[in-house]
N, C-alpha and C. Protein backbone atom coordinates (compact mmCIF):
# COMPACT_ATOMS: atom_id res chain seq x y z
N MET A 1 0.85 -1.20 0.00
CA MET A 1 0.00 0.00 0.00
C MET A 1 0.88 1.25 0.00
N LYS A 2 0.57 2.20 -0.88
CA LYS A 2 1.31 3.46 -0.95
C LYS A 2 0.38 4.60 -0.55
N LEU A 3 0.92 5.54 0.22
CA LEU A 3 0.20 6.75 0.59
C LEU A 3 0.77 7.92 -0.20
N VAL A 4 -0.08 8.58 -0.97
CA VAL A 4 0.33 9.75 -1.74
C VAL A 4 -0.36 10.97 -1.14
N VAL A 5 0.43 11.86 -0.56
CA VAL A 5 -0.10 13.04 0.14
C VAL A 5 0.14 14.27 -0.72
N PHE A 6 -0.93 15.03 -0.94
CA PHE A 6 -0.84 16.22 -1.78
C PHE A 6 -0.94 17.50 -0.97
N ASP A 7 -0.10 18.45 -1.30
CA ASP A 7 -0.32 19.83 -0.90
C ASP A 7 -1.49 20.35 -1.73
N VAL A 8 -2.04 21.52 -1.36
CA VAL A 8 -3.19 22.06 -2.08
C VAL A 8 -2.81 23.26 -2.95
N ASP A 9 -2.54 24.41 -2.32
CA ASP A 9 -2.27 25.64 -3.06
C ASP A 9 -0.96 25.52 -3.84
N GLY A 10 -1.05 25.69 -5.16
CA GLY A 10 0.14 25.60 -5.99
C GLY A 10 0.44 24.19 -6.46
N THR A 11 -0.28 23.21 -5.92
CA THR A 11 -0.08 21.82 -6.32
C THR A 11 -1.34 21.25 -6.97
N LEU A 12 -2.44 21.29 -6.23
CA LEU A 12 -3.72 20.85 -6.78
C LEU A 12 -4.46 22.01 -7.44
N VAL A 13 -4.47 23.17 -6.78
CA VAL A 13 -5.24 24.30 -7.29
C VAL A 13 -4.36 25.53 -7.49
N ASP A 14 -4.75 26.33 -8.49
CA ASP A 14 -4.05 27.58 -8.77
C ASP A 14 -4.79 28.70 -8.04
N SER A 15 -4.32 29.03 -6.86
CA SER A 15 -4.99 29.99 -6.00
C SER A 15 -4.22 31.30 -5.87
N GLN A 16 -3.25 31.52 -6.74
CA GLN A 16 -2.36 32.66 -6.55
C GLN A 16 -3.09 34.00 -6.57
N HIS A 17 -4.05 34.18 -7.48
CA HIS A 17 -4.74 35.47 -7.58
C HIS A 17 -5.55 35.74 -6.31
N LEU A 18 -6.19 34.71 -5.80
CA LEU A 18 -6.97 34.85 -4.58
C LEU A 18 -6.08 35.14 -3.39
N ILE A 19 -4.97 34.44 -3.27
CA ILE A 19 -4.06 34.63 -2.15
C ILE A 19 -3.47 36.04 -2.15
N VAL A 20 -3.00 36.49 -3.31
CA VAL A 20 -2.39 37.82 -3.41
C VAL A 20 -3.42 38.90 -3.10
N ALA A 21 -4.64 38.74 -3.62
CA ALA A 21 -5.68 39.74 -3.36
C ALA A 21 -6.07 39.77 -1.89
N ALA A 22 -6.20 38.61 -1.27
CA ALA A 22 -6.57 38.55 0.14
C ALA A 22 -5.47 39.14 1.02
N GLN A 23 -4.22 38.87 0.67
CA GLN A 23 -3.12 39.48 1.42
C GLN A 23 -3.14 40.99 1.27
N GLY A 24 -3.39 41.48 0.05
CA GLY A 24 -3.45 42.92 -0.16
C GLY A 24 -4.51 43.58 0.67
N THR A 25 -5.68 42.96 0.76
CA THR A 25 -6.76 43.49 1.59
C THR A 25 -6.37 43.48 3.06
N ALA A 26 -5.75 42.40 3.50
CA ALA A 26 -5.36 42.28 4.90
C ALA A 26 -4.35 43.36 5.29
N PHE A 27 -3.37 43.58 4.43
CA PHE A 27 -2.37 44.61 4.72
C PHE A 27 -3.00 46.00 4.72
N ALA A 28 -3.90 46.26 3.78
CA ALA A 28 -4.55 47.57 3.71
C ALA A 28 -5.38 47.82 4.97
N GLU A 29 -6.09 46.79 5.43
CA GLU A 29 -6.92 46.94 6.63
C GLU A 29 -6.07 47.27 7.86
N ASN A 30 -4.83 46.84 7.84
CA ASN A 30 -3.94 47.07 8.98
C ASN A 30 -2.94 48.20 8.73
N GLY A 31 -3.22 49.00 7.72
CA GLY A 31 -2.42 50.20 7.47
C GLY A 31 -1.00 49.94 7.03
N LEU A 32 -0.79 48.83 6.32
CA LEU A 32 0.56 48.46 5.88
C LEU A 32 0.61 48.34 4.37
N PRO A 33 1.75 48.64 3.77
CA PRO A 33 1.89 48.44 2.32
C PRO A 33 1.89 46.95 2.00
N ALA A 34 1.22 46.59 0.94
CA ALA A 34 1.13 45.18 0.58
C ALA A 34 2.48 44.65 0.11
N PRO A 35 2.77 43.40 0.37
CA PRO A 35 4.00 42.80 -0.15
C PRO A 35 3.91 42.67 -1.66
N SER A 36 5.04 42.49 -2.30
CA SER A 36 5.05 42.24 -3.74
C SER A 36 4.41 40.88 -4.01
N ARG A 37 4.05 40.67 -5.26
CA ARG A 37 3.46 39.38 -5.64
C ARG A 37 4.44 38.24 -5.32
N ALA A 38 5.70 38.45 -5.62
CA ALA A 38 6.70 37.41 -5.35
C ALA A 38 6.80 37.12 -3.85
N GLU A 39 6.76 38.18 -3.05
CA GLU A 39 6.81 37.97 -1.59
C GLU A 39 5.58 37.24 -1.11
N SER A 40 4.41 37.60 -1.64
CA SER A 40 3.17 36.93 -1.25
C SER A 40 3.22 35.45 -1.54
N LEU A 41 3.67 35.10 -2.73
CA LEU A 41 3.67 33.70 -3.13
C LEU A 41 4.79 32.91 -2.47
N SER A 42 5.82 33.59 -2.00
CA SER A 42 6.94 32.87 -1.37
C SER A 42 6.54 32.21 -0.06
N VAL A 43 5.46 32.68 0.57
CA VAL A 43 5.06 32.12 1.87
C VAL A 43 3.86 31.18 1.75
N VAL A 44 3.39 30.94 0.52
CA VAL A 44 2.29 29.99 0.33
C VAL A 44 2.74 28.62 0.81
N GLY A 45 1.88 27.98 1.57
CA GLY A 45 2.22 26.67 2.13
C GLY A 45 2.43 26.71 3.63
N LEU A 46 2.80 27.87 4.13
CA LEU A 46 2.95 28.03 5.57
C LEU A 46 1.59 28.32 6.19
N SER A 47 1.44 28.05 7.49
CA SER A 47 0.23 28.47 8.18
C SER A 47 0.21 29.99 8.23
N LEU A 48 -0.97 30.58 8.42
CA LEU A 48 -1.07 32.03 8.36
C LEU A 48 -0.15 32.75 9.34
N PRO A 49 -0.10 32.38 10.62
CA PRO A 49 0.79 33.10 11.54
C PRO A 49 2.25 33.06 11.09
N GLN A 50 2.70 31.89 10.65
CA GLN A 50 4.10 31.79 10.23
C GLN A 50 4.33 32.57 8.94
N ALA A 51 3.35 32.54 8.04
CA ALA A 51 3.49 33.28 6.79
C ALA A 51 3.61 34.78 7.05
N PHE A 52 2.76 35.30 7.92
CA PHE A 52 2.81 36.74 8.18
C PHE A 52 4.03 37.13 9.02
N ARG A 53 4.53 36.22 9.83
CA ARG A 53 5.80 36.51 10.53
C ARG A 53 6.92 36.67 9.52
N ARG A 54 6.90 35.85 8.48
CA ARG A 54 7.92 35.98 7.43
C ARG A 54 7.81 37.34 6.74
N LEU A 55 6.60 37.84 6.61
CA LEU A 55 6.37 39.07 5.84
C LEU A 55 6.55 40.34 6.66
N VAL A 56 6.20 40.29 7.97
CA VAL A 56 6.26 41.53 8.77
C VAL A 56 7.14 41.40 10.00
N GLY A 57 7.68 40.22 10.25
CA GLY A 57 8.52 40.04 11.43
C GLY A 57 7.72 39.67 12.67
N ASP A 58 8.41 39.19 13.68
CA ASP A 58 7.74 38.76 14.91
C ASP A 58 7.02 39.89 15.63
N ASP A 59 7.49 41.12 15.44
CA ASP A 59 6.89 42.25 16.14
C ASP A 59 5.74 42.88 15.36
N GLY A 60 5.44 42.38 14.18
CA GLY A 60 4.36 42.93 13.38
C GLY A 60 2.99 42.44 13.85
N PRO A 61 1.91 42.98 13.27
CA PRO A 61 0.55 42.61 13.68
C PRO A 61 0.11 41.27 13.08
N VAL A 62 0.80 40.22 13.48
CA VAL A 62 0.59 38.91 12.87
C VAL A 62 -0.84 38.41 13.08
N ALA A 63 -1.34 38.50 14.31
CA ALA A 63 -2.68 38.00 14.59
C ALA A 63 -3.74 38.79 13.83
N ALA A 64 -3.59 40.11 13.80
CA ALA A 64 -4.56 40.95 13.09
C ALA A 64 -4.54 40.68 11.60
N LEU A 65 -3.36 40.53 11.04
CA LEU A 65 -3.25 40.21 9.61
C LEU A 65 -3.89 38.86 9.30
N SER A 66 -3.68 37.90 10.16
CA SER A 66 -4.25 36.57 9.94
C SER A 66 -5.77 36.62 9.92
N GLU A 67 -6.35 37.36 10.86
CA GLU A 67 -7.81 37.47 10.91
C GLU A 67 -8.34 38.24 9.70
N SER A 68 -7.67 39.32 9.33
CA SER A 68 -8.09 40.08 8.15
C SER A 68 -8.01 39.22 6.89
N TYR A 69 -6.95 38.46 6.79
CA TYR A 69 -6.77 37.59 5.62
C TYR A 69 -7.90 36.56 5.53
N LYS A 70 -8.24 35.93 6.63
CA LYS A 70 -9.31 34.93 6.62
C LYS A 70 -10.61 35.53 6.11
N ARG A 71 -10.95 36.72 6.62
CA ARG A 71 -12.19 37.37 6.18
C ARG A 71 -12.13 37.70 4.70
N ALA A 72 -11.02 38.27 4.26
CA ALA A 72 -10.89 38.65 2.86
C ALA A 72 -10.92 37.43 1.95
N PHE A 73 -10.23 36.38 2.35
CA PHE A 73 -10.17 35.17 1.54
C PHE A 73 -11.55 34.57 1.35
N ASN A 74 -12.30 34.45 2.45
CA ASN A 74 -13.62 33.84 2.37
C ASN A 74 -14.59 34.70 1.56
N ALA A 75 -14.42 36.02 1.61
CA ALA A 75 -15.28 36.91 0.82
C ALA A 75 -14.92 36.84 -0.66
N LEU A 76 -13.63 36.90 -0.96
CA LEU A 76 -13.19 36.90 -2.36
C LEU A 76 -13.46 35.57 -3.05
N ARG A 77 -13.46 34.50 -2.28
CA ARG A 77 -13.68 33.18 -2.87
C ARG A 77 -15.05 33.07 -3.53
N LEU A 78 -15.99 33.92 -3.12
CA LEU A 78 -17.33 33.91 -3.70
C LEU A 78 -17.38 34.66 -5.04
N ASP A 79 -16.31 35.38 -5.35
CA ASP A 79 -16.23 36.15 -6.59
C ASP A 79 -15.69 35.26 -7.70
N PRO A 80 -16.42 35.09 -8.81
CA PRO A 80 -15.93 34.23 -9.89
C PRO A 80 -14.56 34.63 -10.43
N ASP A 81 -14.20 35.91 -10.27
CA ASP A 81 -12.89 36.35 -10.75
C ASP A 81 -11.74 35.76 -9.94
N TYR A 82 -12.07 35.19 -8.77
CA TYR A 82 -11.02 34.65 -7.90
C TYR A 82 -11.23 33.16 -7.63
N GLU A 83 -11.75 32.45 -8.61
CA GLU A 83 -11.92 31.02 -8.43
C GLU A 83 -10.56 30.34 -8.31
N GLU A 84 -10.56 29.14 -7.73
CA GLU A 84 -9.34 28.36 -7.54
C GLU A 84 -9.41 27.12 -8.45
N PRO A 85 -9.04 27.26 -9.72
CA PRO A 85 -9.15 26.11 -10.63
C PRO A 85 -8.09 25.05 -10.34
N LEU A 86 -8.45 23.81 -10.58
CA LEU A 86 -7.46 22.74 -10.52
C LEU A 86 -6.44 22.94 -11.63
N PHE A 87 -5.19 22.63 -11.35
CA PHE A 87 -4.19 22.65 -12.41
C PHE A 87 -4.52 21.56 -13.44
N PRO A 88 -4.16 21.79 -14.70
CA PRO A 88 -4.50 20.83 -15.75
C PRO A 88 -4.07 19.40 -15.42
N GLY A 89 -5.03 18.50 -15.54
CA GLY A 89 -4.76 17.08 -15.34
C GLY A 89 -4.82 16.59 -13.91
N MET A 90 -4.88 17.51 -12.94
CA MET A 90 -4.82 17.06 -11.54
C MET A 90 -6.12 16.40 -11.09
N GLY A 91 -7.25 16.88 -11.58
CA GLY A 91 -8.51 16.24 -11.23
C GLY A 91 -8.56 14.80 -11.72
N GLU A 92 -8.12 14.60 -12.94
CA GLU A 92 -8.10 13.26 -13.52
C GLU A 92 -7.13 12.35 -12.78
N LEU A 93 -5.99 12.90 -12.38
CA LEU A 93 -5.01 12.10 -11.66
C LEU A 93 -5.54 11.67 -10.29
N ILE A 94 -6.16 12.60 -9.59
CA ILE A 94 -6.74 12.25 -8.28
C ILE A 94 -7.79 11.16 -8.44
N ALA A 95 -8.64 11.28 -9.45
CA ALA A 95 -9.67 10.27 -9.68
C ALA A 95 -9.05 8.91 -9.99
N ARG A 96 -8.01 8.92 -10.79
CA ARG A 96 -7.36 7.66 -11.16
C ARG A 96 -6.70 6.99 -9.95
N LEU A 97 -6.04 7.78 -9.12
CA LEU A 97 -5.40 7.21 -7.93
C LEU A 97 -6.44 6.74 -6.92
N HIS A 98 -7.54 7.49 -6.80
CA HIS A 98 -8.61 7.10 -5.89
C HIS A 98 -9.19 5.73 -6.25
N ALA A 99 -9.22 5.43 -7.54
CA ALA A 99 -9.80 4.17 -7.99
C ALA A 99 -8.88 2.97 -7.75
N ARG A 100 -7.65 3.22 -7.37
CA ARG A 100 -6.68 2.15 -7.15
C ARG A 100 -6.86 1.51 -5.77
N ASP A 101 -6.71 0.20 -5.70
CA ASP A 101 -6.79 -0.51 -4.42
C ASP A 101 -5.48 -0.45 -3.65
N ASP A 102 -4.39 -0.14 -4.35
CA ASP A 102 -3.07 -0.16 -3.71
C ASP A 102 -2.56 1.23 -3.36
N VAL A 103 -3.42 2.24 -3.45
CA VAL A 103 -3.03 3.62 -3.15
C VAL A 103 -4.03 4.25 -2.20
N ARG A 104 -3.51 4.96 -1.22
CA ARG A 104 -4.34 5.80 -0.36
C ARG A 104 -3.94 7.25 -0.59
N LEU A 105 -4.92 8.13 -0.55
CA LEU A 105 -4.68 9.54 -0.79
C LEU A 105 -4.74 10.33 0.50
N GLY A 106 -3.92 11.38 0.56
CA GLY A 106 -3.93 12.27 1.71
C GLY A 106 -3.73 13.71 1.28
N ILE A 107 -4.03 14.63 2.19
CA ILE A 107 -3.80 16.06 1.99
C ILE A 107 -3.03 16.57 3.18
N ALA A 108 -2.04 17.42 2.91
CA ALA A 108 -1.32 18.13 3.97
C ALA A 108 -1.13 19.56 3.48
N THR A 109 -1.77 20.52 4.13
CA THR A 109 -1.82 21.87 3.60
C THR A 109 -1.82 22.93 4.70
N GLY A 110 -1.36 24.12 4.32
CA GLY A 110 -1.43 25.25 5.22
C GLY A 110 -2.80 25.89 5.24
N LYS A 111 -3.72 25.41 4.41
CA LYS A 111 -5.10 25.90 4.45
C LYS A 111 -5.77 25.51 5.75
N SER A 112 -6.86 26.19 6.07
CA SER A 112 -7.68 25.79 7.20
C SER A 112 -8.52 24.57 6.82
N ARG A 113 -9.05 23.89 7.82
CA ARG A 113 -9.93 22.75 7.52
C ARG A 113 -11.17 23.22 6.76
N ARG A 114 -11.66 24.41 7.09
CA ARG A 114 -12.81 24.95 6.37
C ARG A 114 -12.50 25.08 4.88
N GLY A 115 -11.30 25.57 4.58
CA GLY A 115 -10.92 25.72 3.18
C GLY A 115 -10.79 24.39 2.47
N VAL A 116 -10.24 23.40 3.15
CA VAL A 116 -10.09 22.08 2.55
C VAL A 116 -11.45 21.43 2.34
N ASP A 117 -12.33 21.57 3.32
CA ASP A 117 -13.68 21.00 3.18
C ASP A 117 -14.39 21.59 1.98
N HIS A 118 -14.20 22.90 1.76
CA HIS A 118 -14.80 23.56 0.60
C HIS A 118 -14.24 22.98 -0.69
N LEU A 119 -12.93 22.81 -0.76
CA LEU A 119 -12.27 22.25 -1.94
C LEU A 119 -12.77 20.84 -2.23
N VAL A 120 -12.83 20.01 -1.21
CA VAL A 120 -13.24 18.62 -1.38
C VAL A 120 -14.69 18.55 -1.85
N ALA A 121 -15.57 19.33 -1.24
CA ALA A 121 -16.98 19.31 -1.64
C ALA A 121 -17.16 19.84 -3.05
N PHE A 122 -16.46 20.91 -3.38
CA PHE A 122 -16.59 21.54 -4.70
C PHE A 122 -16.21 20.56 -5.82
N ASN A 123 -15.20 19.73 -5.55
CA ASN A 123 -14.71 18.81 -6.57
C ASN A 123 -15.32 17.41 -6.48
N GLY A 124 -16.23 17.21 -5.53
CA GLY A 124 -16.87 15.91 -5.40
C GLY A 124 -15.94 14.83 -4.88
N TRP A 125 -15.01 15.23 -4.01
CA TRP A 125 -14.01 14.30 -3.50
C TRP A 125 -14.33 13.76 -2.10
N GLU A 126 -15.57 13.90 -1.66
CA GLU A 126 -15.90 13.43 -0.31
C GLU A 126 -15.58 11.94 -0.17
N GLY A 127 -14.85 11.61 0.90
CA GLY A 127 -14.51 10.23 1.18
C GLY A 127 -13.33 9.69 0.39
N TRP A 128 -12.70 10.54 -0.44
CA TRP A 128 -11.61 10.06 -1.27
C TRP A 128 -10.27 10.04 -0.54
N PHE A 129 -10.12 10.84 0.48
CA PHE A 129 -8.83 10.99 1.15
C PHE A 129 -8.83 10.26 2.49
N SER A 130 -7.86 9.39 2.67
CA SER A 130 -7.76 8.62 3.91
C SER A 130 -7.36 9.50 5.08
N THR A 131 -6.68 10.60 4.79
CA THR A 131 -6.22 11.50 5.85
C THR A 131 -6.14 12.91 5.30
N THR A 132 -6.55 13.88 6.10
CA THR A 132 -6.49 15.29 5.71
C THR A 132 -5.90 16.08 6.86
N GLN A 133 -4.75 16.68 6.63
CA GLN A 133 -4.05 17.46 7.64
C GLN A 133 -4.05 18.93 7.23
N THR A 134 -4.44 19.81 8.13
CA THR A 134 -4.55 21.23 7.81
C THR A 134 -3.82 22.08 8.84
N ALA A 135 -3.86 23.38 8.62
CA ALA A 135 -3.22 24.30 9.56
C ALA A 135 -3.90 24.26 10.92
N ASP A 136 -5.12 23.73 10.98
CA ASP A 136 -5.83 23.63 12.25
C ASP A 136 -5.42 22.41 13.06
N ASP A 137 -4.67 21.50 12.45
CA ASP A 137 -4.40 20.20 13.07
C ASP A 137 -2.97 19.99 13.56
N ALA A 138 -2.04 20.82 13.08
CA ALA A 138 -0.63 20.55 13.37
C ALA A 138 0.19 21.81 13.16
N PRO A 139 1.43 21.81 13.64
CA PRO A 139 2.34 22.95 13.38
C PRO A 139 2.55 23.14 11.89
N SER A 140 2.93 24.33 11.50
CA SER A 140 3.13 24.66 10.09
C SER A 140 4.26 23.84 9.48
N LYS A 141 4.15 23.58 8.19
CA LYS A 141 5.30 23.07 7.45
C LYS A 141 6.46 24.06 7.64
N PRO A 142 7.70 23.60 7.64
CA PRO A 142 8.18 22.25 7.31
C PRO A 142 8.25 21.27 8.48
N ASP A 143 7.64 21.62 9.61
CA ASP A 143 7.56 20.66 10.71
C ASP A 143 6.92 19.37 10.17
N PRO A 144 7.44 18.19 10.54
CA PRO A 144 6.92 16.95 9.97
C PRO A 144 5.62 16.45 10.58
N ALA A 145 5.05 17.18 11.55
CA ALA A 145 3.89 16.69 12.27
C ALA A 145 2.73 16.32 11.36
N MET A 146 2.42 17.17 10.38
CA MET A 146 1.30 16.87 9.48
C MET A 146 1.49 15.53 8.79
N LEU A 147 2.68 15.31 8.27
CA LEU A 147 2.94 14.07 7.54
C LEU A 147 3.01 12.88 8.48
N ASN A 148 3.55 13.07 9.67
CA ASN A 148 3.56 11.98 10.65
C ASN A 148 2.14 11.57 11.02
N GLN A 149 1.28 12.56 11.22
CA GLN A 149 -0.12 12.27 11.56
C GLN A 149 -0.82 11.59 10.38
N ALA A 150 -0.52 12.04 9.17
CA ALA A 150 -1.13 11.44 7.98
C ALA A 150 -0.76 9.96 7.87
N MET A 151 0.51 9.66 8.08
CA MET A 151 0.95 8.27 7.98
C MET A 151 0.31 7.41 9.07
N ALA A 152 0.20 7.96 10.27
CA ALA A 152 -0.41 7.21 11.36
C ALA A 152 -1.88 6.92 11.07
N GLU A 153 -2.58 7.91 10.55
CA GLU A 153 -4.01 7.73 10.25
C GLU A 153 -4.23 6.74 9.11
N ALA A 154 -3.33 6.76 8.12
CA ALA A 154 -3.47 5.86 6.98
C ALA A 154 -2.88 4.48 7.23
N GLY A 155 -2.12 4.34 8.32
CA GLY A 155 -1.50 3.05 8.63
C GLY A 155 -0.39 2.68 7.67
N VAL A 156 0.36 3.70 7.24
CA VAL A 156 1.43 3.50 6.25
C VAL A 156 2.71 4.13 6.79
N GLY A 157 3.85 3.48 6.57
CA GLY A 157 5.11 3.99 7.05
C GLY A 157 5.79 4.93 6.07
N PRO A 158 6.88 5.57 6.50
CA PRO A 158 7.59 6.53 5.64
C PRO A 158 8.08 5.95 4.32
N SER A 159 8.51 4.71 4.32
CA SER A 159 9.06 4.12 3.09
C SER A 159 8.00 3.94 2.01
N ALA A 160 6.73 3.96 2.40
CA ALA A 160 5.64 3.80 1.44
C ALA A 160 4.86 5.09 1.24
N THR A 161 5.45 6.22 1.65
CA THR A 161 4.75 7.51 1.60
C THR A 161 5.48 8.48 0.68
N VAL A 162 4.70 9.19 -0.13
CA VAL A 162 5.23 10.21 -1.03
C VAL A 162 4.47 11.51 -0.77
N MET A 163 5.23 12.58 -0.58
CA MET A 163 4.65 13.91 -0.43
C MET A 163 4.82 14.65 -1.75
N VAL A 164 3.71 15.15 -2.30
CA VAL A 164 3.73 15.89 -3.56
C VAL A 164 3.41 17.35 -3.27
N GLY A 165 4.33 18.25 -3.62
CA GLY A 165 4.10 19.65 -3.33
C GLY A 165 4.89 20.57 -4.24
N ASP A 166 4.60 21.86 -4.12
CA ASP A 166 5.23 22.85 -5.00
C ASP A 166 6.20 23.77 -4.28
N THR A 167 6.38 23.59 -2.97
CA THR A 167 7.25 24.50 -2.23
C THR A 167 8.36 23.74 -1.51
N SER A 168 9.39 24.49 -1.16
CA SER A 168 10.49 23.91 -0.39
C SER A 168 10.00 23.45 0.97
N TYR A 169 8.93 24.05 1.49
CA TYR A 169 8.39 23.65 2.79
C TYR A 169 7.83 22.22 2.70
N ASP A 170 7.17 21.90 1.58
CA ASP A 170 6.65 20.54 1.39
C ASP A 170 7.78 19.53 1.34
N MET A 171 8.83 19.88 0.58
CA MET A 171 9.95 18.96 0.42
C MET A 171 10.68 18.73 1.75
N ALA A 172 10.90 19.81 2.49
CA ALA A 172 11.60 19.71 3.77
C ALA A 172 10.77 18.91 4.77
N MET A 173 9.46 19.08 4.76
CA MET A 173 8.59 18.31 5.64
C MET A 173 8.70 16.82 5.33
N ALA A 174 8.69 16.48 4.05
CA ALA A 174 8.80 15.08 3.67
C ALA A 174 10.12 14.48 4.13
N VAL A 175 11.20 15.20 3.91
CA VAL A 175 12.52 14.72 4.34
C VAL A 175 12.56 14.50 5.85
N ALA A 176 12.00 15.45 6.60
CA ALA A 176 12.00 15.35 8.06
C ALA A 176 11.18 14.16 8.54
N ALA A 177 10.16 13.78 7.77
CA ALA A 177 9.30 12.66 8.15
C ALA A 177 9.80 11.33 7.60
N GLY A 178 10.86 11.37 6.79
CA GLY A 178 11.40 10.15 6.22
C GLY A 178 10.68 9.66 4.98
N ALA A 179 9.82 10.51 4.41
CA ALA A 179 9.06 10.15 3.22
C ALA A 179 9.75 10.67 1.97
N ALA A 180 9.34 10.18 0.81
CA ALA A 180 9.88 10.68 -0.45
C ALA A 180 9.23 12.02 -0.79
N ALA A 181 10.02 12.93 -1.34
CA ALA A 181 9.54 14.27 -1.68
C ALA A 181 9.54 14.43 -3.20
N VAL A 182 8.36 14.70 -3.76
CA VAL A 182 8.22 14.91 -5.20
C VAL A 182 7.70 16.32 -5.42
N GLY A 183 8.44 17.09 -6.20
CA GLY A 183 8.05 18.47 -6.47
C GLY A 183 7.31 18.62 -7.78
N VAL A 184 6.46 19.64 -7.86
CA VAL A 184 5.80 19.98 -9.12
C VAL A 184 6.29 21.36 -9.55
N ALA A 185 6.52 21.52 -10.84
CA ALA A 185 7.17 22.74 -11.33
C ALA A 185 6.20 23.86 -11.65
N TRP A 186 4.89 23.60 -11.52
CA TRP A 186 3.91 24.62 -11.90
C TRP A 186 3.46 25.49 -10.72
N GLY A 187 4.06 25.31 -9.57
CA GLY A 187 3.63 26.04 -8.38
C GLY A 187 4.40 27.30 -8.10
N TYR A 188 4.66 27.57 -6.82
CA TYR A 188 5.12 28.88 -6.39
C TYR A 188 6.59 28.96 -5.98
N HIS A 189 7.30 27.83 -5.94
CA HIS A 189 8.74 27.83 -5.72
C HIS A 189 9.43 27.21 -6.92
N PRO A 190 10.58 27.74 -7.34
CA PRO A 190 11.27 27.22 -8.52
C PRO A 190 11.85 25.82 -8.27
N PRO A 191 12.05 25.05 -9.34
CA PRO A 191 12.60 23.70 -9.19
C PRO A 191 13.89 23.64 -8.39
N GLY A 192 14.77 24.64 -8.57
CA GLY A 192 16.02 24.63 -7.83
C GLY A 192 15.81 24.63 -6.33
N ALA A 193 14.81 25.39 -5.87
CA ALA A 193 14.50 25.43 -4.44
C ALA A 193 13.94 24.10 -3.97
N LEU A 194 13.17 23.44 -4.82
CA LEU A 194 12.60 22.14 -4.46
C LEU A 194 13.69 21.09 -4.33
N PHE A 195 14.59 21.05 -5.32
CA PHE A 195 15.72 20.10 -5.22
C PHE A 195 16.59 20.42 -4.01
N GLY A 196 16.79 21.71 -3.75
CA GLY A 196 17.61 22.10 -2.61
C GLY A 196 17.04 21.68 -1.28
N ALA A 197 15.71 21.56 -1.23
CA ALA A 197 15.06 21.16 0.02
C ALA A 197 14.86 19.66 0.14
N GLY A 198 15.29 18.91 -0.89
CA GLY A 198 15.25 17.46 -0.78
C GLY A 198 14.38 16.71 -1.75
N ALA A 199 13.85 17.38 -2.78
CA ALA A 199 13.03 16.67 -3.76
C ALA A 199 13.85 15.60 -4.48
N VAL A 200 13.28 14.42 -4.65
CA VAL A 200 13.95 13.36 -5.40
C VAL A 200 13.76 13.57 -6.89
N THR A 201 12.68 14.27 -7.25
CA THR A 201 12.43 14.63 -8.64
C THR A 201 11.44 15.78 -8.66
N VAL A 202 11.42 16.51 -9.77
CA VAL A 202 10.45 17.59 -9.98
C VAL A 202 9.82 17.36 -11.34
N VAL A 203 8.50 17.25 -11.37
CA VAL A 203 7.80 16.96 -12.63
C VAL A 203 7.21 18.24 -13.21
N GLU A 204 7.07 18.23 -14.54
CA GLU A 204 6.60 19.41 -15.26
C GLU A 204 5.10 19.38 -15.52
N THR A 205 4.50 18.18 -15.53
CA THR A 205 3.08 18.05 -15.87
C THR A 205 2.41 17.01 -14.98
N ALA A 206 1.08 17.08 -14.95
CA ALA A 206 0.32 16.07 -14.20
C ALA A 206 0.51 14.69 -14.81
N ALA A 207 0.66 14.62 -16.13
CA ALA A 207 0.89 13.33 -16.78
C ALA A 207 2.21 12.71 -16.31
N ALA A 208 3.24 13.54 -16.19
CA ALA A 208 4.53 13.04 -15.70
C ALA A 208 4.43 12.60 -14.25
N LEU A 209 3.64 13.32 -13.47
CA LEU A 209 3.41 12.92 -12.08
C LEU A 209 2.70 11.58 -12.03
N GLY A 210 1.69 11.43 -12.87
CA GLY A 210 0.95 10.17 -12.91
C GLY A 210 1.84 8.99 -13.28
N ASP A 211 2.83 9.24 -14.15
CA ASP A 211 3.73 8.16 -14.55
C ASP A 211 4.52 7.61 -13.36
N LEU A 212 4.78 8.47 -12.38
CA LEU A 212 5.50 8.01 -11.18
C LEU A 212 4.68 7.02 -10.38
N PHE A 213 3.36 7.12 -10.50
CA PHE A 213 2.46 6.27 -9.71
C PHE A 213 1.68 5.30 -10.58
N ARG A 214 2.25 4.98 -11.73
CA ARG A 214 1.54 4.09 -12.65
C ARG A 214 1.28 2.74 -12.01
N ASP A 215 0.10 2.22 -12.25
CA ASP A 215 -0.28 0.90 -11.74
C ASP A 215 0.67 -0.14 -12.31
N PRO A 216 1.27 -0.97 -11.45
CA PRO A 216 2.20 -2.00 -11.94
C PRO A 216 1.58 -2.87 -13.03
N ALA A 217 0.27 -3.06 -12.98
CA ALA A 217 -0.39 -3.91 -13.97
C ALA A 217 -0.38 -3.26 -15.36
N GLU A 218 -0.17 -1.93 -15.40
CA GLU A 218 -0.17 -1.20 -16.67
C GLU A 218 1.22 -1.12 -17.29
N ARG A 219 2.23 -1.53 -16.56
CA ARG A 219 3.60 -1.37 -17.06
C ARG A 219 4.00 -2.52 -17.96
């Protein structure tokens, strides 16, 4: 049995426009200049408090920014201009892996559980994931707690676990948990950063990612 754990933002869904807009609103509400787009996307994958500490420092209004961001994010998500589309081929890949008897699916994300529940319901994925770890359940990446909890819930060890993500935080978390780290090149950190954090490979497309998990019977 193999456990394949997916990050969400930048891996499954393209949420960059929504994230940048919500951060801009949060900073404006707190009387601060918004970070650049590159700065905004550099912290995707971290929990909100840790992300805002990276952006404003420990002495900044981290709690206020986090609350402002949550409100802005939930409001903007209702606007069709800020939808979070799946990256090409990822919906089909998730469906194909879900249909396998030898694969279990998991999620490990800096999103809130509310956000993940919305994603799962929107895509009709209820009951597809053996384990779902969110910012509400464990310390922020790259701490290995999310992945350790995912493996415990799925009953799978590190040698049979693969973490798929788009940031160095995902790769570092996988390494810390003893799991394999697979990077995707369409997200928010460049391939060099993914390899530097421990990725065993970085794929360019969902089809290439699927090839890594091809059913032995199909080979």
